[in-house]
Amino acid sequence: MIARTISRLPLVAAATTMLLLGGCSAALIEAPTYKTTEVLSFKTAGAPSNVMMLEIADPAKTLPAKTWTDALSNHGFAPRLRFVTNPADIAANETIKPENRLVAVVNPSQNTFGDAICTSPQTGGMEGISERLIVRFGFCNGDNLISETRARFVKENFEEQLFNNAAVLSYQLFPRRIQSNDDDRSCGRFQVNC
């Protein structure tokens, strides 16, 4: 037990140092939540041709749709996903499942979490609560949420931070596997690769 704790100290120290060095320019990405127990591969099940729909709920149009798709595409474990906001943007040999999509809600309302992000994502109501720009991301299958996370970006650096943190978002939303913490005692709940 003591050896396990000691072996984690360098990892904790490195993570703390990275946070301190990142300072205010770092986006704060919360731990993901998953609404599934079986994950053979989120990506291959959700996007047989490695193309997935991206639905953006942002009435203020903080960033153009192309910026969102460019930032979030081609990250994480293989197969890497390419996101499109219009089904017409796929090639003739590609297949898309419109029911499987990534939803991004900028400035989400207090009720936009869980399955609500898939059925009725709402924005607004969070202005002035945070100095950061809040974005909730959810991987949806129809009306059902599969995975979600929330990020807090510095408003002035939103585009840069979206690009810089896209790989982390991809790893969290589309993990390679998930194991129950009850079955694997060395697996922490914040470790996406567990």
C-alpha atoms as a PDB file:
ATOM      1  CA  MET A   1       0.000   0.000   0.000  1.00  0.00           C
ATOM      2  CA  ILE A   2       2.827   2.439   0.918  1.00  0.00           C
ATOM      3  CA  ALA A   3       4.787   1.513  -2.225  1.00  0.00           C
ATOM      4  CA  ARG A   4       1.724   2.264  -4.367  1.00  0.00           C
ATOM      5  CA  THR A   5       1.326   5.689  -2.725  1.00  0.00           C
ATOM      6  CA  ILE A   6       5.019   6.524  -3.122  1.00  0.00           C
ATOM      7  CA  SER A   7       4.982   5.508  -6.801  1.00  0.00           C
ATOM      8  CA  ARG A   8       2.166   7.996  -7.455  1.00  0.00           C
ATOM      9  CA  LEU A   9       3.991  10.943  -5.877  1.00  0.00           C
ATOM     10  CA  PRO A  10       6.111  11.798  -8.967  1.00  0.00           C
ATOM     11  CA  LEU A  11       2.968  11.693 -11.120  1.00  0.00           C
ATOM     12  CA  VAL A  12       1.096  14.009  -8.752  1.00  0.00           C
ATOM     13  CA  ALA A  13       4.073  16.374  -8.582  1.00  0.00           C
ATOM     14  CA  ALA A  14       4.341  16.493 -12.382  1.00  0.00           C
ATOM     15  CA  ALA A  15       0.627  17.168 -12.774  1.00  0.00           C
ATOM     16  CA  THR A  16       0.734  19.950 -10.183  1.00  0.00           C
ATOM     17  CA  THR A  17       3.752  21.524 -11.886  1.00  0.00           C
ATOM     18  CA  MET A  18       2.010  21.445 -15.265  1.00  0.00           C
ATOM     19  CA  LEU A  19      -1.031  23.162 -13.795  1.00  0.00           C
ATOM     20  CA  LEU A  20       1.097  25.857 -12.179  1.00  0.00           C
ATOM     21  CA  LEU A  21       3.129  26.434 -15.343  1.00  0.00           C
ATOM     22  CA  GLY A  22      -0.045  26.625 -17.417  1.00  0.00           C
ATOM     23  CA  GLY A  23      -1.395  29.390 -15.214  1.00  0.00           C
ATOM     24  CA  CYS A  24      -4.394  31.319 -16.399  1.00  0.00           C
ATOM     25  CA  SER A  25      -3.901  30.380 -20.053  1.00  0.00           C
ATOM     26  CA  ALA A  26      -4.851  26.753 -19.369  1.00  0.00           C
ATOM     27  CA  ALA A  27      -8.363  25.517 -19.951  1.00  0.00           C
ATOM     28  CA  LEU A  28      -9.958  23.692 -17.053  1.00  0.00           C
ATOM     29  CA  ILE A  29     -11.425  20.418 -18.270  1.00  0.00           C
ATOM     30  CA  GLU A  30     -13.503  18.466 -15.784  1.00  0.00           C
ATOM     31  CA  ALA A  31     -13.422  14.719 -15.346  1.00  0.00           C
ATOM     32  CA  PRO A  32     -15.733  12.976 -17.822  1.00  0.00           C
ATOM     33  CA  THR A  33     -18.848  11.019 -16.980  1.00  0.00           C
ATOM     34  CA  TYR A  34     -19.968   7.931 -18.866  1.00  0.00           C
ATOM     35  CA  LYS A  35     -23.465   6.533 -19.267  1.00  0.00           C
ATOM     36  CA  THR A  36     -22.410   3.150 -20.561  1.00  0.00           C
ATOM     37  CA  THR A  37     -20.806   0.011 -19.213  1.00  0.00           C
ATOM     38  CA  GLU A  38     -19.776  -1.569 -22.526  1.00  0.00           C
ATOM     39  CA  VAL A  39     -17.175   0.248 -24.620  1.00  0.00           C
ATOM     40  CA  LEU A  40     -15.632  -1.879 -27.331  1.00  0.00           C
ATOM     41  CA  SER A  41     -14.739   1.283 -29.204  1.00  0.00           C
ATOM     42  CA  PHE A  42     -16.731   4.485 -29.029  1.00  0.00           C
ATOM     43  CA  LYS A  43     -15.273   5.634 -32.322  1.00  0.00           C
ATOM     44  CA  THR A  44     -15.831   2.617 -34.544  1.00  0.00           C
ATOM     45  CA  ALA A  45     -19.339   2.116 -33.191  1.00  0.00           C
ATOM     46  CA  GLY A  46     -20.176   5.792 -33.488  1.00  0.00           C
ATOM     47  CA  ALA A  47     -18.518   6.516 -36.834  1.00  0.00           C
ATOM     48  CA  PRO A  48     -17.912   3.555 -39.164  1.00  0.00           C
ATOM     49  CA  SER A  49     -16.114   5.787 -41.696  1.00  0.00           C
ATOM     50  CA  ASN A  50     -14.341   7.839 -39.008  1.00  0.00           C
ATOM     51  CA  VAL A  51     -16.651  10.787 -39.736  1.00  0.00           C
ATOM     52  CA  MET A  52     -19.035  12.110 -37.098  1.00  0.00           C
ATOM     53  CA  MET A  53     -21.533  14.948 -36.954  1.00  0.00           C
ATOM     54  CA  LEU A  54     -20.728  17.936 -34.739  1.00  0.00           C
ATOM     55  CA  GLU A  55     -23.719  19.879 -33.451  1.00  0.00           C
ATOM     56  CA  ILE A  56     -22.871  23.290 -32.021  1.00  0.00           C
ATOM     57  CA  ALA A  57     -25.335  25.117 -29.765  1.00  0.00           C
ATOM     58  CA  ASP A  58     -24.001  28.672 -29.703  1.00  0.00           C
ATOM     59  CA  PRO A  59     -26.448  31.447 -30.615  1.00  0.00           C
ATOM     60  CA  ALA A  60     -23.656  34.024 -30.214  1.00  0.00           C
ATOM     61  CA  LYS A  61     -21.600  32.171 -32.887  1.00  0.00           C
ATOM     62  CA  THR A  62     -18.445  32.579 -30.814  1.00  0.00           C
ATOM     63  CA  LEU A  63     -16.423  30.656 -33.433  1.00  0.00           C
ATOM     64  CA  PRO A  64     -17.221  29.697 -37.050  1.00  0.00           C
ATOM     65  CA  ALA A  65     -18.292  26.072 -37.610  1.00  0.00           C
ATOM     66  CA  LYS A  66     -15.124  25.355 -39.633  1.00  0.00           C
ATOM     67  CA  THR A  67     -12.948  26.435 -36.691  1.00  0.00           C
ATOM     68  CA  TRP A  68     -14.815  23.978 -34.430  1.00  0.00           C
ATOM     69  CA  THR A  69     -14.420  21.080 -36.891  1.00  0.00           C
ATOM     70  CA  ASP A  70     -10.758  21.867 -37.598  1.00  0.00           C
ATOM     71  CA  ALA A  71      -9.971  22.088 -33.879  1.00  0.00           C
ATOM     72  CA  LEU A  72     -11.732  18.880 -32.816  1.00  0.00           C
ATOM     73  CA  SER A  73     -10.825  16.624 -35.775  1.00  0.00           C
ATOM     74  CA  ASN A  74      -8.018  14.054 -35.904  1.00  0.00           C
ATOM     75  CA  HIS A  75      -7.167  13.648 -32.216  1.00  0.00           C
ATOM     76  CA  GLY A  76      -7.040  10.810 -29.722  1.00  0.00           C
ATOM     77  CA  PHE A  77      -6.714   7.083 -30.181  1.00  0.00           C
ATOM     78  CA  ALA A  78      -6.936   5.624 -33.666  1.00  0.00           C
ATOM     79  CA  PRO A  79      -9.202   5.589 -35.555  1.00  0.00           C
ATOM     80  CA  ARG A  80      -9.171   9.372 -35.497  1.00  0.00           C
ATOM     81  CA  LEU A  81     -12.440  11.139 -36.095  1.00  0.00           C
ATOM     82  CA  ARG A  82     -13.122  13.914 -38.567  1.00  0.00           C
ATOM     83  CA  PHE A  83     -16.046  16.115 -37.608  1.00  0.00           C
ATOM     84  CA  VAL A  84     -18.506  17.773 -39.975  1.00  0.00           C
ATOM     85  CA  THR A  85     -21.393  20.131 -39.265  1.00  0.00           C
ATOM     86  CA  ASN A  86     -23.203  19.297 -42.511  1.00  0.00           C
ATOM     87  CA  PRO A  87     -23.835  15.701 -43.708  1.00  0.00           C
ATOM     88  CA  ALA A  88     -23.199  16.895 -47.277  1.00  0.00           C
ATOM     89  CA  ASP A  89     -19.533  17.438 -46.365  1.00  0.00           C
ATOM     90  CA  ILE A  90     -18.742  13.714 -46.378  1.00  0.00           C
ATOM     91  CA  ALA A  91     -17.172  11.897 -49.328  1.00  0.00           C
ATOM     92  CA  ALA A  92     -19.143   9.504 -51.530  1.00  0.00           C
ATOM     93  CA  ASN A  93     -17.426   6.453 -50.003  1.00  0.00           C
ATOM     94  CA  GLU A  94     -18.049   7.547 -46.397  1.00  0.00           C
ATOM     95  CA  THR A  95     -20.942   6.573 -44.154  1.00  0.00           C
ATOM     96  CA  ILE A  96     -22.269   8.760 -41.393  1.00  0.00           C
ATOM     97  CA  LYS A  97     -24.622   7.910 -38.559  1.00  0.00           C
ATOM     98  CA  PRO A  98     -26.569  11.135 -37.943  1.00  0.00           C
ATOM     99  CA  GLU A  99     -27.895   9.787 -34.630  1.00  0.00           C
ATOM    100  CA  ASN A 100     -24.316   9.572 -33.302  1.00  0.00           C
ATOM    101  CA  ARG A 101     -22.921  13.033 -32.852  1.00  0.00           C
ATOM    102  CA  LEU A 102     -20.771  15.230 -30.702  1.00  0.00           C
ATOM    103  CA  VAL A 103     -22.717  18.138 -29.201  1.00  0.00           C
ATOM    104  CA  ALA A 104     -20.921  21.273 -28.000  1.00  0.00           C
ATOM    105  CA  VAL A 105     -22.958  23.776 -25.979  1.00  0.00           C
ATOM    106  CA  VAL A 106     -21.395  27.177 -25.359  1.00  0.00           C
ATOM    107  CA  ASN A 107     -22.612  28.858 -22.181  1.00  0.00           C
ATOM    108  CA  PRO A 108     -24.959  25.976 -21.276  1.00  0.00           C
ATOM    109  CA  SER A 109     -28.018  26.518 -19.130  1.00  0.00           C
ATOM    110  CA  GLN A 110     -28.141  24.876 -15.706  1.00  0.00           C
ATOM    111  CA  ASN A 111     -30.434  22.163 -17.131  1.00  0.00           C
ATOM    112  CA  THR A 112     -28.168  21.198 -20.036  1.00  0.00           C
ATOM    113  CA  PHE A 113     -26.444  18.055 -18.806  1.00  0.00           C
ATOM    114  CA  GLY A 114     -27.063  14.337 -19.079  1.00  0.00           C
ATOM    115  CA  ASP A 115     -29.541  13.305 -21.777  1.00  0.00           C
ATOM    116  CA  ALA A 116     -30.766  16.919 -22.044  1.00  0.00           C
ATOM    117  CA  ILE A 117     -27.597  17.799 -23.967  1.00  0.00           C
ATOM    118  CA  CYS A 118     -28.775  15.348 -26.666  1.00  0.00           C
ATOM    119  CA  THR A 119     -32.477  16.213 -26.670  1.00  0.00           C
ATOM    120  CA  SER A 120     -32.683  19.944 -25.964  1.00  0.00           C
ATOM    121  CA  PRO A 121     -29.355  21.716 -25.457  1.00  0.00           C
ATOM    122  CA  GLN A 122     -30.033  25.184 -24.107  1.00  0.00           C
ATOM    123  CA  THR A 123     -27.700  28.114 -23.741  1.00  0.00           C
ATOM    124  CA  GLY A 124     -27.801  31.157 -21.516  1.00  0.00           C
ATOM    125  CA  GLY A 125     -28.355  31.795 -17.869  1.00  0.00           C
ATOM    126  CA  MET A 126     -24.697  31.375 -16.921  1.00  0.00           C
ATOM    127  CA  GLU A 127     -23.525  34.868 -17.906  1.00  0.00           C
ATOM    128  CA  GLY A 128     -21.608  36.628 -15.171  1.00  0.00           C
ATOM    129  CA  ILE A 129     -21.278  33.456 -13.078  1.00  0.00           C
ATOM    130  CA  SER A 130     -17.813  32.636 -14.379  1.00  0.00           C
ATOM    131  CA  GLU A 131     -14.971  34.694 -15.784  1.00  0.00           C
ATOM    132  CA  ARG A 132     -14.381  31.832 -18.179  1.00  0.00           C
ATOM    133  CA  LEU A 133     -16.343  30.639 -21.195  1.00  0.00           C
ATOM    134  CA  ILE A 134     -18.048  27.361 -20.284  1.00  0.00           C
ATOM    135  CA  VAL A 135     -18.549  24.688 -22.944  1.00  0.00           C
ATOM    136  CA  ARG A 136     -20.240  21.346 -22.291  1.00  0.00           C
ATOM    137  CA  PHE A 137     -19.390  18.511 -24.693  1.00  0.00           C
ATOM    138  CA  GLY A 138     -21.493  15.374 -25.039  1.00  0.00           C
ATOM    139  CA  PHE A 139     -21.238  12.291 -27.250  1.00  0.00           C
ATOM    140  CA  CYS A 140     -24.827  11.361 -28.075  1.00  0.00           C
ATOM    141  CA  ASN A 141     -26.527   8.330 -29.560  1.00  0.00           C
ATOM    142  CA  GLY A 142     -29.938   9.633 -30.550  1.00  0.00           C
ATOM    143  CA  ASP A 143     -31.558  10.961 -27.375  1.00  0.00           C
ATOM    144  CA  ASN A 144     -29.121   9.139 -25.086  1.00  0.00           C
ATOM    145  CA  LEU A 145     -25.880  10.503 -23.718  1.00  0.00           C
ATOM    146  CA  ILE A 146     -22.853   8.203 -23.844  1.00  0.00           C
ATOM    147  CA  SER A 147     -20.117  10.467 -22.459  1.00  0.00           C
ATOM    148  CA  GLU A 148     -19.783  14.099 -21.456  1.00  0.00           C
ATOM    149  CA  THR A 149     -17.366  16.624 -20.028  1.00  0.00           C
ATOM    150  CA  ARG A 150     -17.276  20.335 -19.339  1.00  0.00           C
ATOM    151  CA  ALA A 151     -14.484  22.786 -20.078  1.00  0.00           C
ATOM    152  CA  ARG A 152     -13.858  26.327 -18.898  1.00  0.00           C
ATOM    153  CA  PHE A 153     -11.895  28.410 -21.385  1.00  0.00           C
ATOM    154  CA  VAL A 154     -10.375  31.867 -20.998  1.00  0.00           C
ATOM    155  CA  LYS A 155     -12.631  33.994 -23.206  1.00  0.00           C
ATOM    156  CA  GLU A 156      -9.814  35.949 -24.840  1.00  0.00           C
ATOM    157  CA  ASN A 157      -7.944  32.735 -25.767  1.00  0.00           C
ATOM    158  CA  PHE A 158     -10.927  30.533 -26.573  1.00  0.00           C
ATOM    159  CA  GLU A 159      -9.930  29.504 -30.110  1.00  0.00           C
ATOM    160  CA  GLU A 160      -6.308  28.784 -29.169  1.00  0.00           C
ATOM    161  CA  GLN A 161      -7.351  26.810 -26.090  1.00  0.00           C
ATOM    162  CA  LEU A 162      -9.910  24.792 -28.054  1.00  0.00           C
ATOM    163  CA  PHE A 163      -7.167  23.705 -30.471  1.00  0.00           C
ATOM    164  CA  ASN A 164      -4.668  23.052 -27.646  1.00  0.00           C
ATOM    165  CA  ASN A 165      -7.100  20.966 -25.569  1.00  0.00           C
ATOM    166  CA  ALA A 166      -8.867  19.059 -28.342  1.00  0.00           C
ATOM    167  CA  ALA A 167      -6.750  15.932 -27.789  1.00  0.00           C
ATOM    168  CA  VAL A 168      -7.700  15.834 -24.089  1.00  0.00           C
ATOM    169  CA  LEU A 169     -11.377  16.260 -24.972  1.00  0.00           C
ATOM    170  CA  SER A 170     -11.123  13.435 -27.505  1.00  0.00           C
ATOM    171  CA  TYR A 171      -9.461  11.067 -25.021  1.00  0.00           C
ATOM    172  CA  GLN A 172     -12.140  11.829 -22.437  1.00  0.00           C
ATOM    173  CA  LEU A 173     -15.183  11.616 -24.704  1.00  0.00           C
ATOM    174  CA  PHE A 174     -14.008   8.642 -26.781  1.00  0.00           C
ATOM    175  CA  PRO A 175     -11.942   6.386 -24.497  1.00  0.00           C
ATOM    176  CA  ARG A 176     -10.494   3.142 -25.745  1.00  0.00           C
ATOM    177  CA  ARG A 177     -11.942   1.196 -22.829  1.00  0.00           C
ATOM    178  CA  ILE A 178     -13.613   1.676 -19.469  1.00  0.00           C
ATOM    179  CA  GLN A 179     -13.254  -0.681 -16.542  1.00  0.00           C
ATOM    180  CA  SER A 180     -15.231  -0.667 -13.362  1.00  0.00           C
ATOM    181  CA  ASN A 181     -13.293   0.650 -10.383  1.00  0.00           C
ATOM    182  CA  ASP A 182     -14.766  -2.250  -8.417  1.00  0.00           C
ATOM    183  CA  ASP A 183     -13.023  -4.729 -10.744  1.00  0.00           C
ATOM    184  CA  ASP A 184      -9.656  -2.990 -10.884  1.00  0.00           C
ATOM    185  CA  ARG A 185      -8.499  -1.460  -7.606  1.00  0.00           C
ATOM    186  CA  SER A 186      -5.507   0.265  -9.220  1.00  0.00           C
ATOM    187  CA  CYS A 187      -7.767   2.128 -11.640  1.00  0.00           C
ATOM    188  CA  GLY A 188      -8.651   5.655 -10.549  1.00  0.00           C
ATOM    189  CA  ARG A 189     -11.931   7.226 -11.524  1.00  0.00           C
ATOM    190  CA  PHE A 190     -10.175  10.154 -13.222  1.00  0.00           C
ATOM    191  CA  GLN A 191      -7.983   7.936 -15.396  1.00  0.00           C
ATOM    192  CA  VAL A 192      -9.585   7.757 -18.833  1.00  0.00           C
ATOM    193  CA  ASN A 193      -7.394   4.852 -19.957  1.00  0.00           C
ATOM    194  CA  CYS A 194      -8.612   2.640 -17.084  1.00  0.00           C
END
